[in-house]
Amino acid sequence: DRIQVLPNTAKAHALMERADPARQAKLVDRIFTAYFLEGKD
């Protein structure tokens, strides 16, 4: 109910793929939680 926007995820994927491999899992989880738990765009 907090989610207002269904986003185009191209920017999120581009960011994830530019990240250091050691931080990818943390970034993936953070983007997921920002979207599904916090309703962020």
ModelCIF file with pLDDT and N, C-alpha, C, O atoms, coordinates in Angstrom:
data_MODEL
#
_entry.id   MODEL 
#
_entity.id                         1 
_entity.type                       polymer 
_entity.pdbx_number_of_molecules   1 
#
_entity_poly.entity_id                      1 
_entity_poly.type                           'polypeptide(L)' 
_entity_poly.nstd_linkage                   no 
_entity_poly.nstd_monomer                   no 
_entity_poly.pdbx_seq_one_letter_code       DRIQVLPNTAKAHALMERADPARQAKLVDRIFTAYFLEGKD 
_entity_poly.pdbx_seq_one_letter_code_can   DRIQVLPNTAKAHALMERADPARQAKLVDRIFTAYFLEGKD 
_entity_poly.pdbx_strand_id                 A 
#
loop_
_entity_poly_seq.entity_id 
_entity_poly_seq.num 
_entity_poly_seq.mon_id 
_entity_poly_seq.hetero 
1 1  ASP n 
1 2  ARG n 
1 3  ILE n 
1 4  GLN n 
1 5  VAL n 
1 6  LEU n 
1 7  PRO n 
1 8  ASN n 
1 9  THR n 
1 10 ALA n 
1 11 LYS n 
1 12 ALA n 
1 13 HIS n 
1 14 ALA n 
1 15 LEU n 
1 16 MET n 
1 17 GLU n 
1 18 ARG n 
1 19 ALA n 
1 20 ASP n 
1 21 PRO n 
1 22 ALA n 
1 23 ARG n 
1 24 GLN n 
1 25 ALA n 
1 26 LYS n 
1 27 LEU n 
1 28 VAL n 
1 29 ASP n 
1 30 ARG n 
1 31 ILE n 
1 32 PHE n 
1 33 THR n 
1 34 ALA n 
1 35 TYR n 
1 36 PHE n 
1 37 LEU n 
1 38 GLU n 
1 39 GLY n 
1 40 LYS n 
1 41 ASP n 
#
_struct_asym.id          A 
_struct_asym.entity_id   1 
#
loop_
_ma_qa_metric.id 
_ma_qa_metric.mode 
_ma_qa_metric.name 
_ma_qa_metric.software_group_id 
_ma_qa_metric.type 
1 global pLDDT . pLDDT 
2 local  pLDDT . pLDDT 
#
_ma_qa_metric_global.metric_id      1 
_ma_qa_metric_global.metric_value   94.17 
_ma_qa_metric_global.model_id       1 
_ma_qa_metric_global.ordinal_id     1 
#
loop_
_ma_qa_metric_local.label_asym_id 
_ma_qa_metric_local.label_comp_id 
_ma_qa_metric_local.label_seq_id 
_ma_qa_metric_local.metric_id 
_ma_qa_metric_local.metric_value 
_ma_qa_metric_local.model_id 
_ma_qa_metric_local.ordinal_id 
A ASP 1  2 96.00 1 1  
A ARG 2  2 97.00 1 2  
A ILE 3  2 98.00 1 3  
A GLN 4  2 97.00 1 4  
A VAL 5  2 98.00 1 5  
A LEU 6  2 98.00 1 6  
A PRO 7  2 98.00 1 7  
A ASN 8  2 97.00 1 8  
A THR 9  2 96.00 1 9  
A ALA 10 2 95.00 1 10 
A LYS 11 2 95.00 1 11 
A ALA 12 2 95.00 1 12 
A HIS 13 2 94.00 1 13 
A ALA 14 2 93.00 1 14 
A LEU 15 2 92.00 1 15 
A MET 16 2 90.00 1 16 
A GLU 17 2 86.00 1 17 
A ARG 18 2 87.00 1 18 
A ALA 19 2 88.00 1 19 
A ASP 20 2 85.00 1 20 
A PRO 21 2 81.00 1 21 
A ALA 22 2 83.00 1 22 
A ARG 23 2 87.00 1 23 
A GLN 24 2 90.00 1 24 
A ALA 25 2 91.00 1 25 
A LYS 26 2 93.00 1 26 
A LEU 27 2 95.00 1 27 
A VAL 28 2 96.00 1 28 
A ASP 29 2 96.00 1 29 
A ARG 30 2 97.00 1 30 
A ILE 31 2 98.00 1 31 
A PHE 32 2 98.00 1 32 
A THR 33 2 97.00 1 33 
A ALA 34 2 98.00 1 34 
A TYR 35 2 98.00 1 35 
A PHE 36 2 98.00 1 36 
A LEU 37 2 98.00 1 37 
A GLU 38 2 98.00 1 38 
A GLY 39 2 98.00 1 39 
A LYS 40 2 98.00 1 40 
A ASP 41 2 98.00 1 41 
#
loop_
_atom_site.group_PDB 
_atom_site.id 
_atom_site.type_symbol 
_atom_site.label_atom_id 
_atom_site.label_alt_id 
_atom_site.label_comp_id 
_atom_site.label_asym_id 
_atom_site.label_entity_id 
_atom_site.label_seq_id 
_atom_site.pdbx_PDB_ins_code 
_atom_site.Cartn_x 
_atom_site.Cartn_y 
_atom_site.Cartn_z 
_atom_site.occupancy 
_atom_site.B_iso_or_equiv 
_atom_site.pdbx_formal_charge 
_atom_site.auth_seq_id 
_atom_site.auth_comp_id 
_atom_site.auth_asym_id 
_atom_site.auth_atom_id 
_atom_site.pdbx_PDB_model_num 
ATOM 1   N N  . ASP A 1 1  ? 0.809  -1.213 0.000   1.00 96.00 ? 1  ASP A N  1 
ATOM 2   C CA . ASP A 1 1  ? 0.000  0.000  0.000   1.00 96.00 ? 1  ASP A CA 1 
ATOM 3   C C  . ASP A 1 1  ? 0.849  1.272  0.000   1.00 96.00 ? 1  ASP A C  1 
ATOM 4   O O  . ASP A 1 1  ? 0.344  2.350  -0.316  1.00 96.00 ? 1  ASP A O  1 
ATOM 5   N N  . ARG A 1 2  ? 2.115  1.160  0.346   1.00 97.00 ? 2  ARG A N  1 
ATOM 6   C CA . ARG A 1 2  ? 2.991  2.322  0.376   1.00 97.00 ? 2  ARG A CA 1 
ATOM 7   C C  . ARG A 1 2  ? 3.605  2.619  -0.987  1.00 97.00 ? 2  ARG A C  1 
ATOM 8   O O  . ARG A 1 2  ? 4.128  3.711  -1.207  1.00 97.00 ? 2  ARG A O  1 
ATOM 9   N N  . ILE A 1 3  ? 3.545  1.656  -1.898  1.00 98.00 ? 3  ILE A N  1 
ATOM 10  C CA . ILE A 1 3  ? 4.172  1.831  -3.207  1.00 98.00 ? 3  ILE A CA 1 
ATOM 11  C C  . ILE A 1 3  ? 3.279  2.671  -4.112  1.00 98.00 ? 3  ILE A C  1 
ATOM 12  O O  . ILE A 1 3  ? 2.116  2.332  -4.332  1.00 98.00 ? 3  ILE A O  1 
ATOM 13  N N  . GLN A 1 4  ? 3.817  3.749  -4.628  1.00 97.00 ? 4  GLN A N  1 
ATOM 14  C CA . GLN A 1 4  ? 3.064  4.638  -5.506  1.00 97.00 ? 4  GLN A CA 1 
ATOM 15  C C  . GLN A 1 4  ? 3.422  4.458  -6.980  1.00 97.00 ? 4  GLN A C  1 
ATOM 16  O O  . GLN A 1 4  ? 2.587  4.667  -7.859  1.00 97.00 ? 4  GLN A O  1 
ATOM 17  N N  . VAL A 1 5  ? 4.669  4.070  -7.241  1.00 98.00 ? 5  VAL A N  1 
ATOM 18  C CA . VAL A 1 5  ? 5.167  4.025  -8.618  1.00 98.00 ? 5  VAL A CA 1 
ATOM 19  C C  . VAL A 1 5  ? 5.700  2.640  -8.952  1.00 98.00 ? 5  VAL A C  1 
ATOM 20  O O  . VAL A 1 5  ? 6.508  2.085  -8.207  1.00 98.00 ? 5  VAL A O  1 
ATOM 21  N N  . LEU A 1 6  ? 5.249  2.084  -10.068 1.00 98.00 ? 6  LEU A N  1 
ATOM 22  C CA . LEU A 1 6  ? 5.894  0.909  -10.641 1.00 98.00 ? 6  LEU A CA 1 
ATOM 23  C C  . LEU A 1 6  ? 7.023  1.448  -11.516 1.00 98.00 ? 6  LEU A C  1 
ATOM 24  O O  . LEU A 1 6  ? 6.742  2.058  -12.548 1.00 98.00 ? 6  LEU A O  1 
ATOM 25  N N  . PRO A 1 7  ? 8.292  1.246  -11.142 1.00 98.00 ? 7  PRO A N  1 
ATOM 26  C CA . PRO A 1 7  ? 9.381  1.918  -11.844 1.00 98.00 ? 7  PRO A CA 1 
ATOM 27  C C  . PRO A 1 7  ? 9.896  1.146  -13.056 1.00 98.00 ? 7  PRO A C  1 
ATOM 28  O O  . PRO A 1 7  ? 9.698  -0.062 -13.185 1.00 98.00 ? 7  PRO A O  1 
ATOM 29  N N  . ASN A 1 8  ? 10.552 1.877  -13.922 1.00 97.00 ? 8  ASN A N  1 
ATOM 30  C CA . ASN A 1 8  ? 11.431 1.255  -14.905 1.00 97.00 ? 8  ASN A CA 1 
ATOM 31  C C  . ASN A 1 8  ? 12.724 0.945  -14.145 1.00 97.00 ? 8  ASN A C  1 
ATOM 32  O O  . ASN A 1 8  ? 13.317 1.840  -13.543 1.00 97.00 ? 8  ASN A O  1 
ATOM 33  N N  . THR A 1 9  ? 13.159 -0.311 -14.169 1.00 96.00 ? 9  THR A N  1 
ATOM 34  C CA . THR A 1 9  ? 14.279 -0.713 -13.309 1.00 96.00 ? 9  THR A CA 1 
ATOM 35  C C  . THR A 1 9  ? 15.646 -0.636 -13.994 1.00 96.00 ? 9  THR A C  1 
ATOM 36  O O  . THR A 1 9  ? 16.641 -1.103 -13.439 1.00 96.00 ? 9  THR A O  1 
ATOM 37  N N  . ALA A 1 10 ? 15.701 -0.058 -15.184 1.00 95.00 ? 10 ALA A N  1 
ATOM 38  C CA . ALA A 1 10 ? 16.978 -0.021 -15.912 1.00 95.00 ? 10 ALA A CA 1 
ATOM 39  C C  . ALA A 1 10 ? 18.063 0.711  -15.125 1.00 95.00 ? 10 ALA A C  1 
ATOM 40  O O  . ALA A 1 10 ? 19.201 0.244  -15.070 1.00 95.00 ? 10 ALA A O  1 
ATOM 41  N N  . LYS A 1 11 ? 17.730 1.846  -14.517 1.00 95.00 ? 11 LYS A N  1 
ATOM 42  C CA . LYS A 1 11 ? 18.735 2.582  -13.747 1.00 95.00 ? 11 LYS A CA 1 
ATOM 43  C C  . LYS A 1 11 ? 19.211 1.787  -12.541 1.00 95.00 ? 11 LYS A C  1 
ATOM 44  O O  . LYS A 1 11 ? 20.399 1.784  -12.219 1.00 95.00 ? 11 LYS A O  1 
ATOM 45  N N  . ALA A 1 12 ? 18.291 1.124  -11.887 1.00 95.00 ? 12 ALA A N  1 
ATOM 46  C CA . ALA A 1 12 ? 18.657 0.325  -10.712 1.00 95.00 ? 12 ALA A CA 1 
ATOM 47  C C  . ALA A 1 12 ? 19.590 -0.809 -11.104 1.00 95.00 ? 12 ALA A C  1 
ATOM 48  O O  . ALA A 1 12 ? 20.564 -1.080 -10.402 1.00 95.00 ? 12 ALA A O  1 
ATOM 49  N N  . HIS A 1 13 ? 19.303 -1.471 -12.215 1.00 94.00 ? 13 HIS A N  1 
ATOM 50  C CA . HIS A 1 13 ? 20.167 -2.555 -12.664 1.00 94.00 ? 13 HIS A CA 1 
ATOM 51  C C  . HIS A 1 13 ? 21.523 -2.021 -13.118 1.00 94.00 ? 13 HIS A C  1 
ATOM 52  O O  . HIS A 1 13 ? 22.556 -2.640 -12.862 1.00 94.00 ? 13 HIS A O  1 
ATOM 53  N N  . ALA A 1 14 ? 21.518 -0.865 -13.795 1.00 93.00 ? 14 ALA A N  1 
ATOM 54  C CA . ALA A 1 14 ? 22.787 -0.280 -14.231 1.00 93.00 ? 14 ALA A CA 1 
ATOM 55  C C  . ALA A 1 14 ? 23.664 0.056  -13.034 1.00 93.00 ? 14 ALA A C  1 
ATOM 56  O O  . ALA A 1 14 ? 24.873 -0.174 -13.059 1.00 93.00 ? 14 ALA A O  1 
ATOM 57  N N  . LEU A 1 15 ? 23.056 0.598  -11.991 1.00 92.00 ? 15 LEU A N  1 
ATOM 58  C CA . LEU A 1 15 ? 23.795 0.909  -10.774 1.00 92.00 ? 15 LEU A CA 1 
ATOM 59  C C  . LEU A 1 15 ? 24.339 -0.358 -10.137 1.00 92.00 ? 15 LEU A C  1 
ATOM 60  O O  . LEU A 1 15 ? 25.509 -0.415 -9.760  1.00 92.00 ? 15 LEU A O  1 
ATOM 61  N N  . MET A 1 16 ? 23.508 -1.355 -10.020 1.00 90.00 ? 16 MET A N  1 
ATOM 62  C CA . MET A 1 16 ? 23.934 -2.599 -9.395  1.00 90.00 ? 16 MET A CA 1 
ATOM 63  C C  . MET A 1 16 ? 25.124 -3.212 -10.127 1.00 90.00 ? 16 MET A C  1 
ATOM 64  O O  . MET A 1 16 ? 26.045 -3.735 -9.500  1.00 90.00 ? 16 MET A O  1 
ATOM 65  N N  . GLU A 1 17 ? 25.098 -3.144 -11.438 1.00 86.00 ? 17 GLU A N  1 
ATOM 66  C CA . GLU A 1 17 ? 26.156 -3.766 -12.218 1.00 86.00 ? 17 GLU A CA 1 
ATOM 67  C C  . GLU A 1 17 ? 27.452 -2.960 -12.216 1.00 86.00 ? 17 GLU A C  1 
ATOM 68  O O  . GLU A 1 17 ? 28.509 -3.481 -12.569 1.00 86.00 ? 17 GLU A O  1 
ATOM 69  N N  . ARG A 1 18 ? 27.373 -1.706 -11.824 1.00 87.00 ? 18 ARG A N  1 
ATOM 70  C CA . ARG A 1 18 ? 28.579 -0.891 -11.686 1.00 87.00 ? 18 ARG A CA 1 
ATOM 71  C C  . ARG A 1 18 ? 29.205 -1.043 -10.307 1.00 87.00 ? 18 ARG A C  1 
ATOM 72  O O  . ARG A 1 18 ? 30.341 -0.619 -10.093 1.00 87.00 ? 18 ARG A O  1 
ATOM 73  N N  . ALA A 1 19 ? 28.491 -1.632 -9.386  1.00 88.00 ? 19 ALA A N  1 
ATOM 74  C CA . ALA A 1 19 ? 28.965 -1.759 -8.012  1.00 88.00 ? 19 ALA A CA 1 
ATOM 75  C C  . ALA A 1 19 ? 30.062 -2.795 -7.900  1.00 88.00 ? 19 ALA A C  1 
ATOM 76  O O  . ALA A 1 19 ? 30.131 -3.742 -8.684  1.00 88.00 ? 19 ALA A O  1 
ATOM 77  N N  . ASP A 1 20 ? 30.915 -2.598 -6.915  1.00 85.00 ? 20 ASP A N  1 
ATOM 78  C CA . ASP A 1 20 ? 31.923 -3.590 -6.582  1.00 85.00 ? 20 ASP A CA 1 
ATOM 79  C C  . ASP A 1 20 ? 31.220 -4.900 -6.244  1.00 85.00 ? 20 ASP A C  1 
ATOM 80  O O  . ASP A 1 20 ? 30.241 -4.889 -5.497  1.00 85.00 ? 20 ASP A O  1 
ATOM 81  N N  . PRO A 1 21 ? 31.698 -6.038 -6.779  1.00 81.00 ? 21 PRO A N  1 
ATOM 82  C CA . PRO A 1 21 ? 31.033 -7.319 -6.514  1.00 81.00 ? 21 PRO A CA 1 
ATOM 83  C C  . PRO A 1 21 ? 30.836 -7.601 -5.030  1.00 81.00 ? 21 PRO A C  1 
ATOM 84  O O  . PRO A 1 21 ? 29.862 -8.246 -4.643  1.00 81.00 ? 21 PRO A O  1 
ATOM 85  N N  . ALA A 1 22 ? 31.754 -7.122 -4.201  1.00 83.00 ? 22 ALA A N  1 
ATOM 86  C CA . ALA A 1 22 ? 31.638 -7.375 -2.761  1.00 83.00 ? 22 ALA A CA 1 
ATOM 87  C C  . ALA A 1 22 ? 30.448 -6.654 -2.143  1.00 83.00 ? 22 ALA A C  1 
ATOM 88  O O  . ALA A 1 22 ? 29.983 -7.037 -1.069  1.00 83.00 ? 22 ALA A O  1 
ATOM 89  N N  . ARG A 1 23 ? 29.945 -5.608 -2.812  1.00 87.00 ? 23 ARG A N  1 
ATOM 90  C CA . ARG A 1 23 ? 28.825 -4.836 -2.272  1.00 87.00 ? 23 ARG A CA 1 
ATOM 91  C C  . ARG A 1 23 ? 27.518 -5.089 -3.006  1.00 87.00 ? 23 ARG A C  1 
ATOM 92  O O  . ARG A 1 23 ? 26.482 -4.534 -2.641  1.00 87.00 ? 23 ARG A O  1 
ATOM 93  N N  . GLN A 1 24 ? 27.559 -5.917 -4.030  1.00 90.00 ? 24 GLN A N  1 
ATOM 94  C CA . GLN A 1 24 ? 26.361 -6.121 -4.833  1.00 90.00 ? 24 GLN A CA 1 
ATOM 95  C C  . GLN A 1 24 ? 25.206 -6.702 -4.025  1.00 90.00 ? 24 GLN A C  1 
ATOM 96  O O  . GLN A 1 24 ? 24.077 -6.221 -4.121  1.00 90.00 ? 24 GLN A O  1 
ATOM 97  N N  . ALA A 1 25 ? 25.480 -7.728 -3.235  1.00 91.00 ? 25 ALA A N  1 
ATOM 98  C CA . ALA A 1 25 ? 24.397 -8.372 -2.486  1.00 91.00 ? 25 ALA A CA 1 
ATOM 99  C C  . ALA A 1 25 ? 23.740 -7.390 -1.526  1.00 91.00 ? 25 ALA A C  1 
ATOM 100 O O  . ALA A 1 25 ? 22.518 -7.377 -1.379  1.00 91.00 ? 25 ALA A O  1 
ATOM 101 N N  . LYS A 1 26 ? 24.558 -6.565 -0.872  1.00 93.00 ? 26 LYS A N  1 
ATOM 102 C CA . LYS A 1 26 ? 24.012 -5.573 0.058   1.00 93.00 ? 26 LYS A CA 1 
ATOM 103 C C  . LYS A 1 26 ? 23.178 -4.541 -0.682  1.00 93.00 ? 26 LYS A C  1 
ATOM 104 O O  . LYS A 1 26 ? 22.117 -4.138 -0.203  1.00 93.00 ? 26 LYS A O  1 
ATOM 105 N N  . LEU A 1 27 ? 23.650 -4.109 -1.851  1.00 95.00 ? 27 LEU A N  1 
ATOM 106 C CA . LEU A 1 27 ? 22.917 -3.116 -2.637  1.00 95.00 ? 27 LEU A CA 1 
ATOM 107 C C  . LEU A 1 27 ? 21.614 -3.692 -3.163  1.00 95.00 ? 27 LEU A C  1 
ATOM 108 O O  . LEU A 1 27 ? 20.576 -3.031 -3.115  1.00 95.00 ? 27 LEU A O  1 
ATOM 109 N N  . VAL A 1 28 ? 21.659 -4.925 -3.667  1.00 96.00 ? 28 VAL A N  1 
ATOM 110 C CA . VAL A 1 28 ? 20.447 -5.577 -4.166  1.00 96.00 ? 28 VAL A CA 1 
ATOM 111 C C  . VAL A 1 28 ? 19.402 -5.633 -3.060  1.00 96.00 ? 28 VAL A C  1 
ATOM 112 O O  . VAL A 1 28 ? 18.240 -5.291 -3.279  1.00 96.00 ? 28 VAL A O  1 
ATOM 113 N N  . ASP A 1 29 ? 19.815 -6.064 -1.874  1.00 96.00 ? 29 ASP A N  1 
ATOM 114 C CA . ASP A 1 29 ? 18.880 -6.172 -0.755  1.00 96.00 ? 29 ASP A CA 1 
ATOM 115 C C  . ASP A 1 29 ? 18.338 -4.802 -0.364  1.00 96.00 ? 29 ASP A C  1 
ATOM 116 O O  . ASP A 1 29 ? 17.158 -4.665 -0.043  1.00 96.00 ? 29 ASP A O  1 
ATOM 117 N N  . ARG A 1 30 ? 19.209 -3.779 -0.391  1.00 97.00 ? 30 ARG A N  1 
ATOM 118 C CA . ARG A 1 30 ? 18.765 -2.432 0.017   1.00 97.00 ? 30 ARG A CA 1 
ATOM 119 C C  . ARG A 1 30 ? 17.748 -1.862 -0.962  1.00 97.00 ? 30 ARG A C  1 
ATOM 120 O O  . ARG A 1 30 ? 16.778 -1.226 -0.548  1.00 97.00 ? 30 ARG A O  1 
ATOM 121 N N  . ILE A 1 31 ? 17.957 -2.081 -2.246  1.00 98.00 ? 31 ILE A N  1 
ATOM 122 C CA . ILE A 1 31 ? 17.003 -1.580 -3.232  1.00 98.00 ? 31 ILE A CA 1 
ATOM 123 C C  . ILE A 1 31 ? 15.674 -2.316 -3.100  1.00 98.00 ? 31 ILE A C  1 
ATOM 124 O O  . ILE A 1 31 ? 14.609 -1.703 -3.175  1.00 98.00 ? 31 ILE A O  1 
ATOM 125 N N  . PHE A 1 32 ? 15.737 -3.621 -2.905  1.00 98.00 ? 32 PHE A N  1 
ATOM 126 C CA . PHE A 1 32 ? 14.518 -4.398 -2.683  1.00 98.00 ? 32 PHE A CA 1 
ATOM 127 C C  . PHE A 1 32 ? 13.730 -3.859 -1.488  1.00 98.00 ? 32 PHE A C  1 
ATOM 128 O O  . PHE A 1 32 ? 12.529 -3.613 -1.598  1.00 98.00 ? 32 PHE A O  1 
ATOM 129 N N  . THR A 1 33 ? 14.396 -3.676 -0.357  1.00 97.00 ? 33 THR A N  1 
ATOM 130 C CA . THR A 1 33 ? 13.683 -3.249 0.842   1.00 97.00 ? 33 THR A CA 1 
ATOM 131 C C  . THR A 1 33 ? 13.167 -1.818 0.701   1.00 97.00 ? 33 THR A C  1 
ATOM 132 O O  . THR A 1 33 ? 12.097 -1.489 1.214   1.00 97.00 ? 33 THR A O  1 
ATOM 133 N N  . ALA A 1 34 ? 13.923 -0.970 0.011   1.00 98.00 ? 34 ALA A N  1 
ATOM 134 C CA . ALA A 1 34 ? 13.454 0.394  -0.206  1.00 98.00 ? 34 ALA A CA 1 
ATOM 135 C C  . ALA A 1 34 ? 12.154 0.392  -1.003  1.00 98.00 ? 34 ALA A C  1 
ATOM 136 O O  . ALA A 1 34 ? 11.256 1.193  -0.740  1.00 98.00 ? 34 ALA A O  1 
ATOM 137 N N  . TYR A 1 35 ? 12.057 -0.496 -1.963  1.00 98.00 ? 35 TYR A N  1 
ATOM 138 C CA . TYR A 1 35 ? 10.869 -0.552 -2.810  1.00 98.00 ? 35 TYR A CA 1 
ATOM 139 C C  . TYR A 1 35 ? 9.693  -1.238 -2.114  1.00 98.00 ? 35 TYR A C  1 
ATOM 140 O O  . TYR A 1 35 ? 8.611  -0.661 -2.001  1.00 98.00 ? 35 TYR A O  1 
ATOM 141 N N  . PHE A 1 36 ? 9.906  -2.457 -1.653  1.00 98.00 ? 36 PHE A N  1 
ATOM 142 C CA . PHE A 1 36 ? 8.800  -3.268 -1.159  1.00 98.00 ? 36 PHE A CA 1 
ATOM 143 C C  . PHE A 1 36 ? 8.425  -2.999 0.296   1.00 98.00 ? 36 PHE A C  1 
ATOM 144 O O  . PHE A 1 36 ? 7.293  -3.271 0.696   1.00 98.00 ? 36 PHE A O  1 
ATOM 145 N N  . LEU A 1 37 ? 9.350  -2.471 1.091   1.00 98.00 ? 37 LEU A N  1 
ATOM 146 C CA . LEU A 1 37 ? 9.042  -2.235 2.492   1.00 98.00 ? 37 LEU A CA 1 
ATOM 147 C C  . LEU A 1 37 ? 8.840  -0.760 2.811   1.00 98.00 ? 37 LEU A C  1 
ATOM 148 O O  . LEU A 1 37 ? 8.120  -0.414 3.747   1.00 98.00 ? 37 LEU A O  1 
ATOM 149 N N  . GLU A 1 38 ? 9.487  0.120  2.017   1.00 98.00 ? 38 GLU A N  1 
ATOM 150 C CA . GLU A 1 38 ? 9.421  1.556  2.292   1.00 98.00 ? 38 GLU A CA 1 
ATOM 151 C C  . GLU A 1 38 ? 8.646  2.333  1.237   1.00 98.00 ? 38 GLU A C  1 
ATOM 152 O O  . GLU A 1 38 ? 8.336  3.508  1.438   1.00 98.00 ? 38 GLU A O  1 
ATOM 153 N N  . GLY A 1 39 ? 8.330  1.694  0.122   1.00 98.00 ? 39 GLY A N  1 
ATOM 154 C CA . GLY A 1 39 ? 7.561  2.361  -0.930  1.00 98.00 ? 39 GLY A CA 1 
ATOM 155 C C  . GLY A 1 39 ? 8.333  3.402  -1.706  1.00 98.00 ? 39 GLY A C  1 
ATOM 156 O O  . GLY A 1 39 ? 7.725  4.311  -2.268  1.00 98.00 ? 39 GLY A O  1 
ATOM 157 N N  . LYS A 1 40 ? 9.665  3.305  -1.759  1.00 98.00 ? 40 LYS A N  1 
ATOM 158 C CA . LYS A 1 40 ? 10.475 4.279  -2.480  1.00 98.00 ? 40 LYS A CA 1 
ATOM 159 C C  . LYS A 1 40 ? 10.421 4.017  -3.985  1.00 98.00 ? 40 LYS A C  1 
ATOM 160 O O  . LYS A 1 40 ? 10.241 2.882  -4.425  1.00 98.00 ? 40 LYS A O  1 
ATOM 161 N N  . ASP A 1 41 ? 10.580 5.082  -4.760  1.00 98.00 ? 41 ASP A N  1 
ATOM 162 C CA . ASP A 1 41 ? 10.623 4.972  -6.215  1.00 98.00 ? 41 ASP A CA 1 
ATOM 163 C C  . ASP A 1 41 ? 12.056 4.626  -6.620  1.00 98.00 ? 41 ASP A C  1 
ATOM 164 O O  . ASP A 1 41 ? 12.345 4.480  -7.808  1.00 98.00 ? 41 ASP A O  1 
#
